C-alpha atoms as a PDB file:
ATOM      1  CA  MET A   1      15.393  10.527 -10.853  1.00  0.00           C
ATOM      2  CA  GLU A   2      13.228  11.851 -13.635  1.00  0.00           C
ATOM      3  CA  ASN A   3       9.957  13.360 -12.425  1.00  0.00           C
ATOM      4  CA  THR A   4       7.357  11.221 -14.176  1.00  0.00           C
ATOM      5  CA  TYR A   5       3.921   9.886 -13.369  1.00  0.00           C
ATOM      6  CA  LEU A   6       5.269   6.355 -12.927  1.00  0.00           C
ATOM      7  CA  ASN A   7       7.986   7.511 -10.529  1.00  0.00           C
ATOM      8  CA  SER A   8       5.380   9.468  -8.568  1.00  0.00           C
ATOM      9  CA  VAL A   9       3.122   6.404  -8.334  1.00  0.00           C
ATOM     10  CA  LYS A  10       5.991   4.198  -7.170  1.00  0.00           C
ATOM     11  CA  LYS A  11       6.965   6.768  -4.545  1.00  0.00           C
ATOM     12  CA  GLN A  12       3.376   6.994  -3.237  1.00  0.00           C
ATOM     13  CA  LEU A  13       2.883   3.227  -3.185  1.00  0.00           C
ATOM     14  CA  SER A  14       6.231   2.734  -1.426  1.00  0.00           C
ATOM     15  CA  SER A  15       5.077   5.183   1.233  1.00  0.00           C
ATOM     16  CA  TYR A  16       1.814   3.283   1.773  1.00  0.00           C
ATOM     17  CA  LYS A  17       3.679  -0.028   1.847  1.00  0.00           C
ATOM     18  CA  THR A  18       5.868   1.372   4.625  1.00  0.00           C
ATOM     19  CA  VAL A  19       2.793   2.411   6.644  1.00  0.00           C
ATOM     20  CA  GLY A  20       1.457  -1.124   6.313  1.00  0.00           C
ATOM     21  CA  GLU A  21       4.768  -2.634   7.387  1.00  0.00           C
ATOM     22  CA  LYS A  22       5.076  -0.309  10.373  1.00  0.00           C
ATOM     23  CA  THR A  23       1.582  -1.394  11.373  1.00  0.00           C
ATOM     24  CA  LEU A  24       2.418  -5.085  11.048  1.00  0.00           C
ATOM     25  CA  ASP A  25       5.621  -4.572  13.059  1.00  0.00           C
ATOM     26  CA  GLN A  26       3.730  -3.133  16.039  1.00  0.00           C
ATOM     27  CA  LEU A  27       1.311  -6.032  16.426  1.00  0.00           C
ATOM     28  CA  THR A  28       1.539  -9.423  18.064  1.00  0.00           C
ATOM     29  CA  ASP A  29       0.724 -12.540  16.092  1.00  0.00           C
ATOM     30  CA  GLU A  30      -2.606 -12.782  17.901  1.00  0.00           C
ATOM     31  CA  GLN A  31      -3.483  -9.178  17.022  1.00  0.00           C
ATOM     32  CA  LEU A  32      -2.830  -9.786  13.315  1.00  0.00           C
ATOM     33  CA  PHE A  33      -5.575 -12.411  13.236  1.00  0.00           C
ATOM     34  CA  TRP A  34      -8.088 -10.710  15.547  1.00  0.00           C
ATOM     35  CA  GLN A  35     -11.445  -9.697  14.118  1.00  0.00           C
ATOM     36  CA  PRO A  36     -14.162  -7.937  16.129  1.00  0.00           C
ATOM     37  CA  ASN A  37     -16.970  -9.990  14.564  1.00  0.00           C
ATOM     38  CA  GLU A  38     -17.690 -12.352  11.673  1.00  0.00           C
ATOM     39  CA  GLU A  39     -18.506  -9.517   9.274  1.00  0.00           C
ATOM     40  CA  SER A  40     -15.260  -7.637   9.902  1.00  0.00           C
ATOM     41  CA  ASN A  41     -11.820  -8.413   8.548  1.00  0.00           C
ATOM     42  CA  SER A  42      -8.678  -9.102  10.509  1.00  0.00           C
ATOM     43  CA  ILE A  43      -5.436  -7.524   9.373  1.00  0.00           C
ATOM     44  CA  ALA A  44      -4.415 -10.977   8.117  1.00  0.00           C
ATOM     45  CA  THR A  45      -7.549 -11.091   5.967  1.00  0.00           C
ATOM     46  CA  ILE A  46      -6.845  -7.621   4.556  1.00  0.00           C
ATOM     47  CA  VAL A  47      -3.297  -8.696   3.669  1.00  0.00           C
ATOM     48  CA  ALA A  48      -4.632 -11.856   1.998  1.00  0.00           C
ATOM     49  CA  HIS A  49      -7.088  -9.778  -0.025  1.00  0.00           C
ATOM     50  CA  MET A  50      -4.415  -7.290  -1.078  1.00  0.00           C
ATOM     51  CA  HIS A  51      -2.141 -10.186  -2.052  1.00  0.00           C
ATOM     52  CA  GLY A  52      -4.824 -11.763  -4.223  1.00  0.00           C
ATOM     53  CA  ASN A  53      -5.709  -8.439  -5.782  1.00  0.00           C
ATOM     54  CA  MET A  54      -2.095  -7.521  -6.498  1.00  0.00           C
ATOM     55  CA  LEU A  55      -1.253 -10.845  -8.115  1.00  0.00           C
ATOM     56  CA  SER A  56      -4.439 -10.760 -10.184  1.00  0.00           C
ATOM     57  CA  ARG A  57      -4.144  -7.155 -11.310  1.00  0.00           C
ATOM     58  CA  TRP A  58      -0.405  -6.981 -11.975  1.00  0.00           C
ATOM     59  CA  THR A  59       0.403 -10.422 -13.434  1.00  0.00           C
ATOM     60  CA  ASN A  60       0.509 -10.049 -17.246  1.00  0.00           C
ATOM     61  CA  PHE A  61      -0.846  -6.541 -16.687  1.00  0.00           C
ATOM     62  CA  LEU A  62      -0.763  -5.367 -20.296  1.00  0.00           C
ATOM     63  CA  THR A  63      -1.881  -8.635 -21.884  1.00  0.00           C
ATOM     64  CA  SER A  64      -4.633 -10.216 -19.773  1.00  0.00           C
ATOM     65  CA  ASP A  65      -7.698  -9.155 -17.811  1.00  0.00           C
ATOM     66  CA  GLY A  66      -6.807  -7.918 -14.324  1.00  0.00           C
ATOM     67  CA  GLU A  67      -9.349 -10.296 -12.797  1.00  0.00           C
ATOM     68  CA  LYS A  68      -7.640 -13.639 -13.390  1.00  0.00           C
ATOM     69  CA  GLU A  69      -9.604 -16.870 -13.689  1.00  0.00           C
ATOM     70  CA  TRP A  70      -7.365 -18.483 -11.056  1.00  0.00           C
ATOM     71  CA  ARG A  71      -8.136 -15.850  -8.431  1.00  0.00           C
ATOM     72  CA  ASN A  72     -10.531 -16.925  -5.681  1.00  0.00           C
ATOM     73  CA  ARG A  73     -11.490 -13.545  -4.228  1.00  0.00           C
ATOM     74  CA  ASP A  74     -14.031 -14.968  -1.784  1.00  0.00           C
ATOM     75  CA  ALA A  75     -11.366 -17.199  -0.205  1.00  0.00           C
ATOM     76  CA  GLU A  76      -9.250 -14.107   0.495  1.00  0.00           C
ATOM     77  CA  PHE A  77     -11.830 -13.079   3.086  1.00  0.00           C
ATOM     78  CA  GLU A  78     -11.661 -16.297   5.077  1.00  0.00           C
ATOM     79  CA  ASN A  79      -9.579 -15.682   8.181  1.00  0.00           C
ATOM     80  CA  ASN A  80      -7.575 -18.866   7.661  1.00  0.00           C
ATOM     81  CA  ARG A  81      -3.962 -17.701   7.591  1.00  0.00           C
ATOM     82  CA  SER A  82      -2.000 -19.391  10.325  1.00  0.00           C
ATOM     83  CA  THR A  83       1.285 -17.595  10.922  1.00  0.00           C
ATOM     84  CA  ARG A  84       2.917 -14.193  10.774  1.00  0.00           C
ATOM     85  CA  GLU A  85       5.524 -15.675   8.434  1.00  0.00           C
ATOM     86  CA  GLU A  86       2.865 -16.813   5.956  1.00  0.00           C
ATOM     87  CA  LEU A  87       1.291 -13.375   6.126  1.00  0.00           C
ATOM     88  CA  LEU A  88       4.596 -11.586   5.507  1.00  0.00           C
ATOM     89  CA  VAL A  89       5.372 -13.838   2.539  1.00  0.00           C
ATOM     90  CA  LYS A  90       2.026 -12.906   0.974  1.00  0.00           C
ATOM     91  CA  TRP A  91       2.614  -9.217   1.731  1.00  0.00           C
ATOM     92  CA  SER A  92       6.042  -9.261   0.070  1.00  0.00           C
ATOM     93  CA  GLU A  93       4.933 -11.347  -2.899  1.00  0.00           C
ATOM     94  CA  GLY A  94       2.042  -9.012  -3.714  1.00  0.00           C
ATOM     95  CA  TRP A  95       4.145  -5.856  -3.509  1.00  0.00           C
ATOM     96  CA  ARG A  96       6.968  -7.432  -5.524  1.00  0.00           C
ATOM     97  CA  CYS A  97       4.511  -8.314  -8.303  1.00  0.00           C
ATOM     98  CA  LEU A  98       3.174  -4.749  -8.318  1.00  0.00           C
ATOM     99  CA  PHE A  99       6.572  -3.017  -8.327  1.00  0.00           C
ATOM    100  CA  ASP A 100       8.082  -5.412 -10.902  1.00  0.00           C
ATOM    101  CA  THR A 101       5.215  -4.561 -13.238  1.00  0.00           C
ATOM    102  CA  LEU A 102       5.441  -0.821 -12.621  1.00  0.00           C
ATOM    103  CA  ASP A 103       9.212  -0.952 -13.188  1.00  0.00           C
ATOM    104  CA  ALA A 104       8.637  -2.593 -16.579  1.00  0.00           C
ATOM    105  CA  LEU A 105       6.131   0.047 -17.757  1.00  0.00           C
ATOM    106  CA  THR A 106       7.129   3.086 -19.774  1.00  0.00           C
ATOM    107  CA  GLU A 107       5.461   6.448 -20.078  1.00  0.00           C
ATOM    108  CA  ALA A 108       4.391   5.331 -23.583  1.00  0.00           C
ATOM    109  CA  ASP A 109       2.368   2.501 -21.996  1.00  0.00           C
ATOM    110  CA  LEU A 110       0.162   4.903 -20.027  1.00  0.00           C
ATOM    111  CA  GLU A 111      -2.350   5.450 -22.824  1.00  0.00           C
ATOM    112  CA  LYS A 112      -2.653   1.770 -23.694  1.00  0.00           C
ATOM    113  CA  GLU A 113      -5.820  -0.002 -22.629  1.00  0.00           C
ATOM    114  CA  VAL A 114      -6.133  -2.896 -20.205  1.00  0.00           C
ATOM    115  CA  LEU A 115      -9.134  -4.839 -18.950  1.00  0.00           C
ATOM    116  CA  ILE A 116     -10.318  -5.227 -15.371  1.00  0.00           C
ATOM    117  CA  ARG A 117     -13.361  -7.480 -15.114  1.00  0.00           C
ATOM    118  CA  ASN A 118     -13.854  -6.976 -18.830  1.00  0.00           C
ATOM    119  CA  GLU A 119     -14.030  -3.162 -18.457  1.00  0.00           C
ATOM    120  CA  ARG A 120     -11.582  -1.092 -20.490  1.00  0.00           C
ATOM    121  CA  HIS A 121      -9.223   1.239 -18.623  1.00  0.00           C
ATOM    122  CA  THR A 122      -6.227   3.202 -19.755  1.00  0.00           C
ATOM    123  CA  VAL A 123      -3.110   2.033 -17.977  1.00  0.00           C
ATOM    124  CA  THR A 124      -3.159   5.337 -16.083  1.00  0.00           C
ATOM    125  CA  ASP A 125      -6.738   4.738 -14.930  1.00  0.00           C
ATOM    126  CA  ALA A 126      -5.946   1.156 -13.917  1.00  0.00           C
ATOM    127  CA  ILE A 127      -2.972   2.361 -11.874  1.00  0.00           C
ATOM    128  CA  ASN A 128      -5.042   5.131 -10.277  1.00  0.00           C
ATOM    129  CA  ARG A 129      -7.700   2.579  -9.371  1.00  0.00           C
ATOM    130  CA  GLN A 130      -5.138   0.587  -7.400  1.00  0.00           C
ATOM    131  CA  LEU A 131      -3.521   3.740  -6.016  1.00  0.00           C
ATOM    132  CA  ALA A 132      -6.864   4.385  -4.302  1.00  0.00           C
ATOM    133  CA  HIS A 133      -7.563   0.748  -3.386  1.00  0.00           C
ATOM    134  CA  TYR A 134      -4.377  -0.173  -1.530  1.00  0.00           C
ATOM    135  CA  PRO A 135      -4.201   2.892   0.756  1.00  0.00           C
ATOM    136  CA  TYR A 136      -7.855   2.293   1.645  1.00  0.00           C
ATOM    137  CA  HIS A 137      -6.952  -1.128   3.023  1.00  0.00           C
ATOM    138  CA  ILE A 138      -3.704   0.033   4.613  1.00  0.00           C
ATOM    139  CA  GLY A 139      -5.724   2.697   6.432  1.00  0.00           C
ATOM    140  CA  GLN A 140      -7.994  -0.064   7.718  1.00  0.00           C
ATOM    141  CA  MET A 141      -4.957  -1.984   8.921  1.00  0.00           C
ATOM    142  CA  ALA A 142      -3.556   1.054  10.718  1.00  0.00           C
ATOM    143  CA  TYR A 143      -6.920   1.823  12.315  1.00  0.00           C
ATOM    144  CA  ILE A 144      -7.284  -1.737  13.610  1.00  0.00           C
ATOM    145  CA  GLY A 145      -3.692  -1.646  14.831  1.00  0.00           C
ATOM    146  CA  LYS A 146      -4.208   1.619  16.642  1.00  0.00           C
ATOM    147  CA  MET A 147      -7.337   0.269  18.353  1.00  0.00           C
ATOM    148  CA  MET A 148      -5.486  -2.881  19.379  1.00  0.00           C
ATOM    149  CA  ARG A 149      -2.397  -1.100  20.726  1.00  0.00           C
ATOM    150  CA  SER A 150      -4.200   1.890  22.260  1.00  0.00           C
ATOM    151  CA  THR A 151      -1.695   4.054  24.136  1.00  0.00           C
ATOM    152  CA  ASP A 152       1.146   1.717  23.116  1.00  0.00           C
ATOM    153  CA  TRP A 153       0.638   2.621  19.451  1.00  0.00           C
ATOM    154  CA  THR A 154       3.506   4.450  17.784  1.00  0.00           C
ATOM    155  CA  SER A 155       2.048   7.028  15.424  1.00  0.00           C
ATOM    156  CA  LEU A 156       2.700   6.491  11.729  1.00  0.00           C
ATOM    157  CA  SER A 157       2.244  10.153  10.901  1.00  0.00           C
ATOM    158  CA  ILE A 158       2.162  13.308  13.003  1.00  0.00           C
ATOM    159  CA  PRO A 159       1.108  12.317  16.548  1.00  0.00           C
ATOM    160  CA  LYS A 160      -1.889  14.037  18.100  1.00  0.00           C
ATOM    161  CA  GLY A 161      -0.950  17.347  19.671  1.00  0.00           C
ATOM    162  CA  LYS A 162       2.422  17.438  17.890  1.00  0.00           C
ATOM    163  CA  SER A 163       1.552  19.351  14.707  1.00  0.00           C
ATOM    164  CA  ASN A 164       3.264  22.575  15.766  1.00  0.00           C
ATOM    165  CA  GLU A 165       6.464  20.744  16.733  1.00  0.00           C
ATOM    166  CA  TYR A 166       6.458  18.797  13.485  1.00  0.00           C
ATOM    167  CA  ASN A 167       5.892  21.916  11.385  1.00  0.00           C
ATOM    168  CA  ALA A 168       8.615  23.823  13.247  1.00  0.00           C
ATOM    169  CA  VAL A 169      11.133  21.095  12.404  1.00  0.00           C
ATOM    170  CA  LYS A 170      10.023  20.887   8.771  1.00  0.00           C
ATOM    171  CA  PHE A 171      10.113  24.649   8.227  1.00  0.00           C
ATOM    172  CA  SER A 172      13.471  24.880   9.997  1.00  0.00           C
ATOM    173  CA  GLU A 173      14.855  22.225   7.646  1.00  0.00           C
ATOM    174  CA  ALA A 174      13.513  24.171   4.668  1.00  0.00           C
ATOM    175  CA  GLU A 175      15.173  27.365   5.901  1.00  0.00           C
ATOM    176  CA  GLN A 176      18.475  25.565   6.369  1.00  0.00           C
ATOM    177  CA  GLY A 177      18.206  24.173   2.839  1.00  0.00           C
ATOM    178  CA  ASP A 178      17.491  27.644   1.437  1.00  0.00           C
ATOM    179  CA  GLN A 179      20.490  29.081   3.290  1.00  0.00           C
ATOM    180  CA  LEU A 180      22.742  26.350   1.887  1.00  0.00           C
ATOM    181  CA  LYS A 181      21.516  27.062  -1.648  1.00  0.00           C
ATOM    182  CA  LYS A 182      22.215  30.800  -1.230  1.00  0.00           C
ATOM    183  CA  LYS A 183      25.663  30.058   0.191  1.00  0.00           C
ATOM    184  CA  HIS A 184      26.585  27.873  -2.808  1.00  0.00           C
ATOM    185  CA  ASN A 185      25.190  30.249  -5.439  1.00  0.00           C
END
């Protein structure tokens, strides 16, 4: 795979998508829709918001404003989703729209301009904007999930107190890779 900005973005977004999915997988249906108070969002609400944002931003990305007239952003924050299945459909649909659009872009497109809420952005800036936005919400999802699951939570990164073990494995793998390279050279 060629090392390009677009490939890097897709790799990063795929990683965040996986964190979101591993969060969703650990929670019961009830936990997906739980919200601590009226002003806070449930995980289902966050997914609905991401879905709306992704469809709006990435549909006709190069040719229309990223804030579509058909989007009802305020409705995304109503905790009215009813099932896990509905939630997962929205999750998949949003990500598919994003990745289909990124797959269609070329490096030559990066300096083109697009509009988001009638503000001009280079394609690179518009992508970076979303590259910050989606992990923000996925972090919220993981935080809510961790609070809900407490000691039953399976860490999505390096578990507390396990940094030295993790690093030992990673550096051992690197050494083994270096030894294999030397052996074959």
